[in-house]
């Protein structure tokens, strides 16, 4: 996975209207510019991580980018690479748990509507 070159930069007016995705620009080491939707920010073992989906990519196909996530004192997001296979595996495991929890919540909500 490439390191983000210029970290994560929100698009102008980082406010996100309800129901719309937060879109961020990511520049990779090779100069590739990706517009990405933020899927989620989540903790694993005391660190924060971010899951990004490049525009036009399919979440089902596994085109998700994972990075460590921090914010500067001014609130600017900063990304760094996940350093080890063990760390990456832990992040993927937690992300899978988040997806499973969301799917369960949708099933419970749908079941409650049927009653």
PDB file of N, CA and C in Angstrom:
ATOM      1  N   UNK A   1       0.850  -1.170   0.000  1.00  0.00           N
ATOM      2  CA  UNK A   1       0.000   0.000   0.000  1.00  0.00           C
ATOM      3  C   UNK A   1       0.892   1.228   0.000  1.00  0.00           C
ATOM      4  N   UNK A   2       0.560   2.205  -0.821  1.00  0.00           N
ATOM      5  CA  UNK A   2       1.357   3.422  -0.911  1.00  0.00           C
ATOM      6  C   UNK A   2       1.116   4.317   0.286  1.00  0.00           C
ATOM      7  N   UNK A   3       2.164   5.050   0.656  1.00  0.00           N
ATOM      8  CA  UNK A   3       2.013   6.061   1.683  1.00  0.00           C
ATOM      9  C   UNK A   3       1.315   7.260   1.084  1.00  0.00           C
ATOM     10  N   UNK A   4       0.473   7.929   1.859  1.00  0.00           N
ATOM     11  CA  UNK A   4      -0.093   9.168   1.339  1.00  0.00           C
ATOM     12  C   UNK A   4       1.013  10.219   1.318  1.00  0.00           C
ATOM     13  N   UNK A   5       1.196  10.907   0.208  1.00  0.00           N
ATOM     14  CA  UNK A   5       2.278  11.880   0.074  1.00  0.00           C
ATOM     15  C   UNK A   5       1.971  13.157   0.843  1.00  0.00           C
ATOM     16  N   UNK A   6       0.817  13.683   0.625  1.00  0.00           N
ATOM     17  CA  UNK A   6       0.452  14.948   1.253  1.00  0.00           C
ATOM     18  C   UNK A   6      -0.624  14.762   2.306  1.00  0.00           C
ATOM     19  N   UNK A   7      -0.667  13.592   2.863  1.00  0.00           N
ATOM     20  CA  UNK A   7      -1.673  13.250   3.850  1.00  0.00           C
ATOM     21  C   UNK A   7      -3.058  13.421   3.250  1.00  0.00           C
ATOM     22  N   UNK A   8      -4.009  13.658   4.077  1.00  0.00           N
ATOM     23  CA  UNK A   8      -5.395  13.733   3.656  1.00  0.00           C
ATOM     24  C   UNK A   8      -5.826  15.181   3.680  1.00  0.00           C
ATOM     25  N   UNK A   9      -6.416  15.630   2.577  1.00  0.00           N
ATOM     26  CA  UNK A   9      -6.866  17.012   2.518  1.00  0.00           C
ATOM     27  C   UNK A   9      -8.359  17.033   2.223  1.00  0.00           C
ATOM     28  N   UNK A  10      -9.153  17.616   3.122  1.00  0.00           N
ATOM     29  CA  UNK A  10     -10.575  17.717   2.809  1.00  0.00           C
ATOM     30  C   UNK A  10     -10.767  18.674   1.635  1.00  0.00           C
ATOM     31  N   UNK A  11     -11.813  18.453   0.876  1.00  0.00           N
ATOM     32  CA  UNK A  11     -12.157  19.383  -0.178  1.00  0.00           C
ATOM     33  C   UNK A  11     -12.633  20.682   0.451  1.00  0.00           C
ATOM     34  N   UNK A  12     -12.646  21.775  -0.313  1.00  0.00           N
ATOM     35  CA  UNK A  12     -13.128  23.048   0.238  1.00  0.00           C
ATOM     36  C   UNK A  12     -14.488  22.867   0.893  1.00  0.00           C
ATOM     37  N   UNK A  13     -14.684  23.629   1.974  1.00  0.00           N
ATOM     38  CA  UNK A  13     -15.911  23.545   2.754  1.00  0.00           C
ATOM     39  C   UNK A  13     -16.143  22.107   3.184  1.00  0.00           C
ATOM     40  N   UNK A  14     -15.316  21.649   4.128  1.00  0.00           N
ATOM     41  CA  UNK A  14     -15.347  20.278   4.594  1.00  0.00           C
ATOM     42  C   UNK A  14     -16.659  19.851   5.210  1.00  0.00           C
ATOM     43  N   UNK A  15     -17.629  20.797   5.347  1.00  0.00           N
ATOM     44  CA  UNK A  15     -18.931  20.409   5.865  1.00  0.00           C
ATOM     45  C   UNK A  15     -19.604  19.475   4.877  1.00  0.00           C
ATOM     46  N   UNK A  16     -20.310  18.531   5.409  1.00  0.00           N
ATOM     47  CA  UNK A  16     -20.935  17.525   4.567  1.00  0.00           C
ATOM     48  C   UNK A  16     -22.444  17.572   4.783  1.00  0.00           C
ATOM     49  N   UNK A  17     -23.218  17.933   3.728  1.00  0.00           N
ATOM     50  CA  UNK A  17     -24.675  17.935   3.898  1.00  0.00           C
ATOM     51  C   UNK A  17     -25.176  16.550   4.281  1.00  0.00           C
ATOM     52  N   UNK A  18     -26.258  16.520   5.038  1.00  0.00           N
ATOM     53  CA  UNK A  18     -26.828  15.236   5.463  1.00  0.00           C
ATOM     54  C   UNK A  18     -27.093  14.357   4.262  1.00  0.00           C
ATOM     55  N   UNK A  19     -26.740  13.080   4.400  1.00  0.00           N
ATOM     56  CA  UNK A  19     -27.013  12.113   3.363  1.00  0.00           C
ATOM     57  C   UNK A  19     -25.955  12.047   2.272  1.00  0.00           C
ATOM     58  N   UNK A  20     -24.976  12.922   2.306  1.00  0.00           N
ATOM     59  CA  UNK A  20     -23.927  12.886   1.295  1.00  0.00           C
ATOM     60  C   UNK A  20     -22.643  12.362   1.915  1.00  0.00           C
ATOM     61  N   UNK A  21     -21.815  11.753   1.068  1.00  0.00           N
ATOM     62  CA  UNK A  21     -20.534  11.237   1.533  1.00  0.00           C
ATOM     63  C   UNK A  21     -19.541  12.366   1.745  1.00  0.00           C
ATOM     64  N   UNK A  22     -18.670  12.192   2.719  1.00  0.00           N
ATOM     65  CA  UNK A  22     -17.542  13.094   2.881  1.00  0.00           C
ATOM     66  C   UNK A  22     -16.493  12.644   1.880  1.00  0.00           C
ATOM     67  N   UNK A  23     -16.097  13.524   0.973  1.00  0.00           N
ATOM     68  CA  UNK A  23     -15.144  13.214  -0.082  1.00  0.00           C
ATOM     69  C   UNK A  23     -13.818  13.895   0.257  1.00  0.00           C
ATOM     70  N   UNK A  24     -12.747  13.117   0.191  1.00  0.00           N
ATOM     71  CA  UNK A  24     -11.416  13.622   0.480  1.00  0.00           C
ATOM     72  C   UNK A  24     -10.486  13.324  -0.685  1.00  0.00           C
ATOM     73  N   UNK A  25      -9.483  14.178  -0.846  1.00  0.00           N
ATOM     74  CA  UNK A  25      -8.495  13.982  -1.897  1.00  0.00           C
ATOM     75  C   UNK A  25      -7.266  13.347  -1.283  1.00  0.00           C
ATOM     76  N   UNK A  26      -6.795  12.283  -1.908  1.00  0.00           N
ATOM     77  CA  UNK A  26      -5.632  11.553  -1.429  1.00  0.00           C
ATOM     78  C   UNK A  26      -4.595  11.540  -2.540  1.00  0.00           C
ATOM     79  N   UNK A  27      -3.358  11.961  -2.224  1.00  0.00           N
ATOM     80  CA  UNK A  27      -2.273  11.888  -3.192  1.00  0.00           C
ATOM     81  C   UNK A  27      -1.301  10.811  -2.741  1.00  0.00           C
ATOM     82  N   UNK A  28      -1.120   9.806  -3.575  1.00  0.00           N
ATOM     83  CA  UNK A  28      -0.223   8.699  -3.262  1.00  0.00           C
ATOM     84  C   UNK A  28       1.219   9.067  -3.622  1.00  0.00           C
ATOM     85  N   UNK A  29       2.170   8.265  -3.135  1.00  0.00           N
ATOM     86  CA  UNK A  29       3.590   8.510  -3.395  1.00  0.00           C
ATOM     87  C   UNK A  29       3.917   8.608  -4.873  1.00  0.00           C
ATOM     88  N   UNK A  30       3.204   7.852  -5.696  1.00  0.00           N
ATOM     89  CA  UNK A  30       3.495   7.863  -7.136  1.00  0.00           C
ATOM     90  C   UNK A  30       2.845   9.040  -7.861  1.00  0.00           C
ATOM     91  N   UNK A  31       2.207   9.941  -7.101  1.00  0.00           N
ATOM     92  CA  UNK A  31       1.588  11.118  -7.683  1.00  0.00           C
ATOM     93  C   UNK A  31       0.142  10.927  -8.082  1.00  0.00           C
ATOM     94  N   UNK A  32      -0.363   9.719  -7.942  1.00  0.00           N
ATOM     95  CA  UNK A  32      -1.757   9.451  -8.269  1.00  0.00           C
ATOM     96  C   UNK A  32      -2.663  10.222  -7.318  1.00  0.00           C
ATOM     97  N   UNK A  33      -3.641  10.908  -7.884  1.00  0.00           N
ATOM     98  CA  UNK A  33      -4.626  11.637  -7.094  1.00  0.00           C
ATOM     99  C   UNK A  33      -5.916  10.837  -7.088  1.00  0.00           C
ATOM    100  N   UNK A  34      -6.431  10.570  -5.901  1.00  0.00           N
ATOM    101  CA  UNK A  34      -7.685   9.821  -5.758  1.00  0.00           C
ATOM    102  C   UNK A  34      -8.678  10.650  -4.968  1.00  0.00           C
ATOM    103  N   UNK A  35      -9.883  10.746  -5.480  1.00  0.00           N
ATOM    104  CA  UNK A  35     -10.992  11.294  -4.710  1.00  0.00           C
ATOM    105  C   UNK A  35     -11.604  10.100  -3.987  1.00  0.00           C
ATOM    106  N   UNK A  36     -11.723  10.181  -2.676  1.00  0.00           N
ATOM    107  CA  UNK A  36     -12.185   9.040  -1.886  1.00  0.00           C
ATOM    108  C   UNK A  36     -13.327   9.431  -0.965  1.00  0.00           C
ATOM    109  N   UNK A  37     -14.253   8.521  -0.802  1.00  0.00           N
ATOM    110  CA  UNK A  37     -15.302   8.660   0.205  1.00  0.00           C
ATOM    111  C   UNK A  37     -14.777   8.078   1.509  1.00  0.00           C
ATOM    112  N   UNK A  38     -15.050   8.759   2.599  1.00  0.00           N
ATOM    113  CA  UNK A  38     -14.699   8.225   3.912  1.00  0.00           C
ATOM    114  C   UNK A  38     -15.800   7.246   4.309  1.00  0.00           C
ATOM    115  N   UNK A  39     -15.412   5.987   4.465  1.00  0.00           N
ATOM    116  CA  UNK A  39     -16.383   4.972   4.876  1.00  0.00           C
ATOM    117  C   UNK A  39     -16.591   5.014   6.378  1.00  0.00           C
ATOM    118  N   UNK A  40     -15.487   5.097   7.119  1.00  0.00           N
ATOM    119  CA  UNK A  40     -15.573   5.156   8.570  1.00  0.00           C
ATOM    120  C   UNK A  40     -14.202   5.472   9.156  1.00  0.00           C
ATOM    121  N   UNK A  41     -14.204   5.973  10.367  1.00  0.00           N
ATOM    122  CA  UNK A  41     -13.006   6.137  11.186  1.00  0.00           C
ATOM    123  C   UNK A  41     -13.271   5.330  12.448  1.00  0.00           C
ATOM    124  N   UNK A  42     -12.320   4.469  12.822  1.00  0.00           N
ATOM    125  CA  UNK A  42     -12.590   3.542  13.911  1.00  0.00           C
ATOM    126  C   UNK A  42     -11.307   3.245  14.697  1.00  0.00           C
ATOM    127  N   UNK A  43     -11.464   2.881  15.978  1.00  0.00           N
ATOM    128  CA  UNK A  43     -10.297   2.578  16.807  1.00  0.00           C
ATOM    129  C   UNK A  43      -9.922   1.101  16.754  1.00  0.00           C
ATOM    130  N   UNK A  44      -8.619   0.853  16.856  1.00  0.00           N
ATOM    131  CA  UNK A  44      -8.081  -0.496  17.037  1.00  0.00           C
ATOM    132  C   UNK A  44      -6.868  -0.354  17.939  1.00  0.00           C
ATOM    133  N   UNK A  45      -6.877  -1.033  19.064  1.00  0.00           N
ATOM    134  CA  UNK A  45      -5.742  -1.063  19.986  1.00  0.00           C
ATOM    135  C   UNK A  45      -5.185   0.325  20.295  1.00  0.00           C
ATOM    136  N   UNK A  46      -6.082   1.270  20.584  1.00  0.00           N
ATOM    137  CA  UNK A  46      -5.657   2.597  21.017  1.00  0.00           C
ATOM    138  C   UNK A  46      -5.280   3.555  19.905  1.00  0.00           C
ATOM    139  N   UNK A  47      -5.381   3.144  18.657  1.00  0.00           N
ATOM    140  CA  UNK A  47      -5.111   4.028  17.520  1.00  0.00           C
ATOM    141  C   UNK A  47      -6.372   4.176  16.697  1.00  0.00           C
ATOM    142  N   UNK A  48      -6.455   5.287  15.960  1.00  0.00           N
ATOM    143  CA  UNK A  48      -7.564   5.521  15.051  1.00  0.00           C
ATOM    144  C   UNK A  48      -7.148   5.142  13.632  1.00  0.00           C
ATOM    145  N   UNK A  49      -8.091   4.596  12.877  1.00  0.00           N
ATOM    146  CA  UNK A  49      -7.860   4.220  11.481  1.00  0.00           C
ATOM    147  C   UNK A  49      -8.999   4.750  10.636  1.00  0.00           C
ATOM    148  N   UNK A  50      -8.704   4.951   9.357  1.00  0.00           N
ATOM    149  CA  UNK A  50      -9.705   5.445   8.425  1.00  0.00           C
ATOM    150  C   UNK A  50      -9.802   4.473   7.254  1.00  0.00           C
ATOM    151  N   UNK A  51     -11.026   4.251   6.793  1.00  0.00           N
ATOM    152  CA  UNK A  51     -11.281   3.422   5.615  1.00  0.00           C
ATOM    153  C   UNK A  51     -11.768   4.345   4.508  1.00  0.00           C
ATOM    154  N   UNK A  52     -11.064   4.322   3.374  1.00  0.00           N
ATOM    155  CA  UNK A  52     -11.371   5.196   2.241  1.00  0.00           C
ATOM    156  C   UNK A  52     -11.717   4.364   1.019  1.00  0.00           C
ATOM    157  N   UNK A  53     -12.746   4.780   0.297  1.00  0.00           N
ATOM    158  CA  UNK A  53     -13.157   4.110  -0.930  1.00  0.00           C
ATOM    159  C   UNK A  53     -12.970   5.083  -2.088  1.00  0.00           C
ATOM    160  N   UNK A  54     -12.047   4.770  -3.016  1.00  0.00           N
ATOM    161  CA  UNK A  54     -11.862   5.654  -4.173  1.00  0.00           C
ATOM    162  C   UNK A  54     -13.157   5.797  -4.971  1.00  0.00           C
ATOM    163  N   UNK A  55     -13.403   7.023  -5.474  1.00  0.00           N
ATOM    164  CA  UNK A  55     -14.581   7.273  -6.297  1.00  0.00           C
ATOM    165  C   UNK A  55     -14.609   6.296  -7.469  1.00  0.00           C
ATOM    166  N   UNK A  56     -15.744   5.729  -7.738  1.00  0.00           N
ATOM    167  CA  UNK A  56     -15.904   4.799  -8.836  1.00  0.00           C
ATOM    168  C   UNK A  56     -15.527   3.370  -8.494  1.00  0.00           C
ATOM    169  N   UNK A  57     -14.940   3.158  -7.326  1.00  0.00           N
ATOM    170  CA  UNK A  57     -14.561   1.802  -6.913  1.00  0.00           C
ATOM    171  C   UNK A  57     -15.755   1.134  -6.243  1.00  0.00           C
ATOM    172  N   UNK A  58     -15.690  -0.155  -6.138  1.00  0.00           N
ATOM    173  CA  UNK A  58     -16.761  -0.938  -5.550  1.00  0.00           C
ATOM    174  C   UNK A  58     -16.304  -1.498  -4.216  1.00  0.00           C
ATOM    175  N   UNK A  59     -17.012  -1.149  -3.162  1.00  0.00           N
ATOM    176  CA  UNK A  59     -16.671  -1.629  -1.821  1.00  0.00           C
ATOM    177  C   UNK A  59     -16.684  -3.152  -1.755  1.00  0.00           C
ATOM    178  N   UNK A  60     -17.542  -3.768  -2.522  1.00  0.00           N
ATOM    179  CA  UNK A  60     -17.650  -5.229  -2.531  1.00  0.00           C
ATOM    180  C   UNK A  60     -16.402  -5.893  -3.107  1.00  0.00           C
ATOM    181  N   UNK A  61     -15.686  -5.192  -3.996  1.00  0.00           N
ATOM    182  CA  UNK A  61     -14.508  -5.762  -4.648  1.00  0.00           C
ATOM    183  C   UNK A  61     -13.226  -5.574  -3.849  1.00  0.00           C
ATOM    184  N   UNK A  62     -13.316  -4.924  -2.683  1.00  0.00           N
ATOM    185  CA  UNK A  62     -12.151  -4.792  -1.822  1.00  0.00           C
ATOM    186  C   UNK A  62     -11.202  -3.669  -2.186  1.00  0.00           C
ATOM    187  N   UNK A  63     -11.689  -2.647  -2.898  1.00  0.00           N
ATOM    188  CA  UNK A  63     -10.852  -1.514  -3.278  1.00  0.00           C
ATOM    189  C   UNK A  63     -10.816  -0.448  -2.189  1.00  0.00           C
ATOM    190  N   UNK A  64     -10.665  -0.860  -0.958  1.00  0.00           N
ATOM    191  CA  UNK A  64     -10.688   0.057   0.182  1.00  0.00           C
ATOM    192  C   UNK A  64      -9.259   0.302   0.644  1.00  0.00           C
ATOM    193  N   UNK A  65      -8.950   1.576   0.941  1.00  0.00           N
ATOM    194  CA  UNK A  65      -7.647   1.961   1.472  1.00  0.00           C
ATOM    195  C   UNK A  65      -7.781   2.175   2.973  1.00  0.00           C
ATOM    196  N   UNK A  66      -6.853   1.592   3.727  1.00  0.00           N
ATOM    197  CA  UNK A  66      -6.836   1.751   5.179  1.00  0.00           C
ATOM    198  C   UNK A  66      -5.555   2.470   5.584  1.00  0.00           C
ATOM    199  N   UNK A  67      -5.691   3.466   6.462  1.00  0.00           N
ATOM    200  CA  UNK A  67      -4.549   4.208   6.988  1.00  0.00           C
ATOM    201  C   UNK A  67      -4.752   4.474   8.469  1.00  0.00           C
ATOM    202  N   UNK A  68      -3.644   4.721   9.154  1.00  0.00           N
ATOM    203  CA  UNK A  68      -3.741   5.287  10.503  1.00  0.00           C
ATOM    204  C   UNK A  68      -4.269   6.711  10.339  1.00  0.00           C
ATOM    205  N   UNK A  69      -5.038   7.140  11.314  1.00  0.00           N
ATOM    206  CA  UNK A  69      -5.672   8.455  11.237  1.00  0.00           C
ATOM    207  C   UNK A  69      -5.407   9.239  12.517  1.00  0.00           C
ATOM    208  N   UNK A  70      -4.997  10.480  12.345  1.00  0.00           N
ATOM    209  CA  UNK A  70      -4.836  11.411  13.465  1.00  0.00           C
ATOM    210  C   UNK A  70      -5.306  12.774  13.008  1.00  0.00           C
ATOM    211  N   UNK A  71      -5.466  13.682  13.959  1.00  0.00           N
ATOM    212  CA  UNK A  71      -5.758  15.069  13.631  1.00  0.00           C
ATOM    213  C   UNK A  71      -4.734  15.954  14.305  1.00  0.00           C
ATOM    214  N   UNK A  72      -4.351  17.028  13.600  1.00  0.00           N
ATOM    215  CA  UNK A  72      -3.453  18.022  14.183  1.00  0.00           C
ATOM    216  C   UNK A  72      -4.231  18.810  15.229  1.00  0.00           C
ATOM    217  N   UNK A  73      -3.539  19.603  16.057  1.00  0.00           N
ATOM    218  CA  UNK A  73      -4.255  20.440  17.017  1.00  0.00           C
ATOM    219  C   UNK A  73      -5.263  21.390  16.350  1.00  0.00           C
ATOM    220  N   UNK A  74      -5.025  21.700  15.070  1.00  0.00           N
ATOM    221  CA  UNK A  74      -5.941  22.568  14.326  1.00  0.00           C
ATOM    222  C   UNK A  74      -7.103  21.788  13.714  1.00  0.00           C
ATOM    223  N   UNK A  75      -7.123  20.473  13.910  1.00  0.00           N
ATOM    224  CA  UNK A  75      -8.207  19.652  13.396  1.00  0.00           C
ATOM    225  C   UNK A  75      -7.991  19.135  11.990  1.00  0.00           C
ATOM    226  N   UNK A  76      -6.801  19.320  11.438  1.00  0.00           N
ATOM    227  CA  UNK A  76      -6.506  18.814  10.096  1.00  0.00           C
ATOM    228  C   UNK A  76      -6.188  17.318  10.173  1.00  0.00           C
ATOM    229  N   UNK A  77      -6.790  16.525   9.296  1.00  0.00           N
ATOM    230  CA  UNK A  77      -6.510  15.088   9.308  1.00  0.00           C
ATOM    231  C   UNK A  77      -5.106  14.787   8.793  1.00  0.00           C
ATOM    232  N   UNK A  78      -4.483  13.770   9.381  1.00  0.00           N
ATOM    233  CA  UNK A  78      -3.157  13.307   8.970  1.00  0.00           C
ATOM    234  C   UNK A  78      -3.216  11.790   8.883  1.00  0.00           C
ATOM    235  N   UNK A  79      -2.719  11.254   7.766  1.00  0.00           N
ATOM    236  CA  UNK A  79      -2.685   9.811   7.569  1.00  0.00           C
ATOM    237  C   UNK A  79      -1.257   9.306   7.621  1.00  0.00           C
ATOM    238  N   UNK A  80      -1.112   8.076   8.062  1.00  0.00           N
ATOM    239  CA  UNK A  80       0.180   7.397   7.964  1.00  0.00           C
ATOM    240  C   UNK A  80      -0.087   5.928   7.646  1.00  0.00           C
ATOM    241  N   UNK A  81       0.918   5.293   7.095  1.00  0.00           N
ATOM    242  CA  UNK A  81       0.760   3.900   6.660  1.00  0.00           C
ATOM    243  C   UNK A  81       0.665   2.953   7.843  1.00  0.00           C
ATOM    244  N   UNK A  82      -0.029   1.883   7.619  1.00  0.00           N
ATOM    245  CA  UNK A  82      -0.060   0.769   8.560  1.00  0.00           C
ATOM    246  C   UNK A  82       1.249   0.026   8.368  1.00  0.00           C
ATOM    247  N   UNK A  83       1.978  -0.216   9.460  1.00  0.00           N
ATOM    248  CA  UNK A  83       3.372  -0.624   9.358  1.00  0.00           C
ATOM    249  C   UNK A  83       3.625  -2.120   9.291  1.00  0.00           C
ATOM    250  N   UNK A  84       2.764  -2.926   9.858  1.00  0.00           N
ATOM    251  CA  UNK A  84       3.047  -4.371   9.893  1.00  0.00           C
ATOM    252  C   UNK A  84       1.845  -5.154   9.403  1.00  0.00           C
ATOM    253  N   UNK A  85       2.104  -6.389   9.005  1.00  0.00           N
ATOM    254  CA  UNK A  85       1.018  -7.276   8.595  1.00  0.00           C
ATOM    255  C   UNK A  85       0.068  -7.543   9.763  1.00  0.00           C
ATOM    256  N   UNK A  86       0.611  -7.652  10.963  1.00  0.00           N
ATOM    257  CA  UNK A  86      -0.227  -7.912  12.139  1.00  0.00           C
ATOM    258  C   UNK A  86      -1.164  -6.739  12.390  1.00  0.00           C
ATOM    259  N   UNK A  87      -0.643  -5.523  12.279  1.00  0.00           N
ATOM    260  CA  UNK A  87      -1.475  -4.335  12.470  1.00  0.00           C
ATOM    261  C   UNK A  87      -2.562  -4.295  11.392  1.00  0.00           C
ATOM    262  N   UNK A  88      -2.176  -4.551  10.142  1.00  0.00           N
ATOM    263  CA  UNK A  88      -3.132  -4.529   9.040  1.00  0.00           C
ATOM    264  C   UNK A  88      -4.222  -5.583   9.244  1.00  0.00           C
ATOM    265  N   UNK A  89      -3.830  -6.779   9.686  1.00  0.00           N
ATOM    266  CA  UNK A  89      -4.809  -7.838   9.952  1.00  0.00           C
ATOM    267  C   UNK A  89      -5.785  -7.427  11.048  1.00  0.00           C
ATOM    268  N   UNK A  90      -5.283  -6.768  12.094  1.00  0.00           N
ATOM    269  CA  UNK A  90      -6.146  -6.313  13.183  1.00  0.00           C
ATOM    270  C   UNK A  90      -7.135  -5.259  12.682  1.00  0.00           C
ATOM    271  N   UNK A  91      -6.665  -4.372  11.815  1.00  0.00           N
ATOM    272  CA  UNK A  91      -7.534  -3.337  11.245  1.00  0.00           C
ATOM    273  C   UNK A  91      -8.612  -3.982  10.369  1.00  0.00           C
ATOM    274  N   UNK A  92      -8.227  -4.920   9.521  1.00  0.00           N
ATOM    275  CA  UNK A  92      -9.202  -5.605   8.674  1.00  0.00           C
ATOM    276  C   UNK A  92     -10.222  -6.377   9.502  1.00  0.00           C
ATOM    277  N   UNK A  93      -9.761  -7.039  10.560  1.00  0.00           N
ATOM    278  CA  UNK A  93     -10.676  -7.780  11.432  1.00  0.00           C
ATOM    279  C   UNK A  93     -11.709  -6.843  12.048  1.00  0.00           C
ATOM    280  N   UNK A  94     -11.244  -5.689  12.534  1.00  0.00           N
ATOM    281  CA  UNK A  94     -12.173  -4.735  13.156  1.00  0.00           C
ATOM    282  C   UNK A  94     -13.141  -4.161  12.128  1.00  0.00           C
ATOM    283  N   UNK A  95     -12.638  -3.859  10.935  1.00  0.00           N
ATOM    284  CA  UNK A  95     -13.509  -3.341   9.882  1.00  0.00           C
ATOM    285  C   UNK A  95     -14.593  -4.372   9.528  1.00  0.00           C
ATOM    286  N   UNK A  96     -14.211  -5.632   9.426  1.00  0.00           N
ATOM    287  CA  UNK A  96     -15.190  -6.691   9.171  1.00  0.00           C
ATOM    288  C   UNK A  96     -16.230  -6.758  10.282  1.00  0.00           C
ATOM    289  N   UNK A  97     -15.798  -6.588  11.531  1.00  0.00           N
ATOM    290  CA  UNK A  97     -16.735  -6.573  12.656  1.00  0.00           C
ATOM    291  C   UNK A  97     -17.712  -5.409  12.523  1.00  0.00           C
ATOM    292  N   UNK A  98     -17.207  -4.234  12.116  1.00  0.00           N
ATOM    293  CA  UNK A  98     -18.072  -3.064  11.938  1.00  0.00           C
ATOM    294  C   UNK A  98     -19.124  -3.349  10.873  1.00  0.00           C
ATOM    295  N   UNK A  99     -18.701  -3.948   9.760  1.00  0.00           N
ATOM    296  CA  UNK A  99     -19.655  -4.297   8.705  1.00  0.00           C
ATOM    297  C   UNK A  99     -20.693  -5.293   9.202  1.00  0.00           C
ATOM    298  N   UNK A 100     -20.245  -6.301   9.966  1.00  0.00           N
ATOM    299  CA  UNK A 100     -21.170  -7.292  10.511  1.00  0.00           C
ATOM    300  C   UNK A 100     -22.171  -6.636  11.464  1.00  0.00           C
ATOM    301  N   UNK A 101     -21.692  -5.715  12.301  1.00  0.00           N
ATOM    302  CA  UNK A 101     -22.571  -5.015  13.246  1.00  0.00           C
ATOM    303  C   UNK A 101     -23.601  -4.178  12.493  1.00  0.00           C
ATOM    304  N   UNK A 102     -23.183  -3.498  11.435  1.00  0.00           N
ATOM    305  CA  UNK A 102     -24.097  -2.675  10.646  1.00  0.00           C
ATOM    306  C   UNK A 102     -25.150  -3.547   9.964  1.00  0.00           C
ATOM    307  N   UNK A 103     -24.728  -4.678   9.432  1.00  0.00           N
ATOM    308  CA  UNK A 103     -25.664  -5.600   8.783  1.00  0.00           C
ATOM    309  C   UNK A 103     -26.671  -6.128   9.797  1.00  0.00           C
ATOM    310  N   UNK A 104     -26.202  -6.471  10.993  1.00  0.00           N
ATOM    311  CA  UNK A 104     -27.097  -6.960  12.046  1.00  0.00           C
ATOM    312  C   UNK A 104     -28.110  -5.877  12.420  1.00  0.00           C
ATOM    313  N   UNK A 105     -27.618  -4.649  12.601  1.00  0.00           N
ATOM    314  CA  UNK A 105     -28.513  -3.546  12.962  1.00  0.00           C
ATOM    315  C   UNK A 105     -29.584  -3.328  11.901  1.00  0.00           C
ATOM    316  N   UNK A 106     -29.201  -3.456  10.622  1.00  0.00           N
ATOM    317  CA  UNK A 106     -30.191  -3.297   9.544  1.00  0.00           C
ATOM    318  C   UNK A 106     -31.222  -4.420   9.584  1.00  0.00           C
ATOM    319  N   UNK A 107     -30.778  -5.646   9.867  1.00  0.00           N
ATOM    320  CA  UNK A 107     -31.711  -6.758   9.961  1.00  0.00           C
ATOM    321  C   UNK A 107     -32.695  -6.575  11.120  1.00  0.00           C
ATOM    322  N   UNK A 108     -32.178  -6.132  12.252  1.00  0.00           N
ATOM    323  CA  UNK A 108     -33.038  -5.921  13.426  1.00  0.00           C
ATOM    324  C   UNK A 108     -34.028  -4.804  13.142  1.00  0.00           C
ATOM    325  N   UNK A 109     -33.569  -3.716  12.518  1.00  0.00           N
ATOM    326  CA  UNK A 109     -34.452  -2.612  12.192  1.00  0.00           C
ATOM    327  C   UNK A 109     -35.529  -3.046  11.196  1.00  0.00           C
ATOM    328  N   UNK A 110     -35.152  -3.812  10.197  1.00  0.00           N
ATOM    329  CA  UNK A 110     -36.119  -4.303   9.207  1.00  0.00           C
ATOM    330  C   UNK A 110     -37.118  -5.254   9.864  1.00  0.00           C
ATOM    331  N   UNK A 111     -36.642  -6.084  10.782  1.00  0.00           N
ATOM    332  CA  UNK A 111     -37.516  -7.009  11.479  1.00  0.00           C
ATOM    333  C   UNK A 111     -38.518  -6.241  12.341  1.00  0.00           C
ATOM    334  N   UNK A 112     -38.067  -5.163  12.969  1.00  0.00           N
ATOM    335  CA  UNK A 112     -38.949  -4.346  13.791  1.00  0.00           C
ATOM    336  C   UNK A 112     -40.015  -3.642  12.981  1.00  0.00           C
ATOM    337  N   UNK A 113     -39.715  -3.312  11.727  1.00  0.00           N
ATOM    338  CA  UNK A 113     -40.701  -2.667  10.854  1.00  0.00           C
ATOM    339  C   UNK A 113     -41.770  -3.649  10.415  1.00  0.00           C
ATOM    340  N   UNK A 114     -41.437  -4.934  10.360  1.00  0.00           N
ATOM    341  CA  UNK A 114     -42.367  -5.959   9.911  1.00  0.00           C
ATOM    342  C   UNK A 114     -43.438  -6.255  10.962  1.00  0.00           C
ATOM    343  N   UNK A 115     -43.173  -5.905  12.194  1.00  0.00           N
ATOM    344  CA  UNK A 115     -44.106  -6.236  13.279  1.00  0.00           C
ATOM    345  C   UNK A 115     -45.265  -5.287  13.342  1.00  0.00           C
TER     346      UNK A 115
END
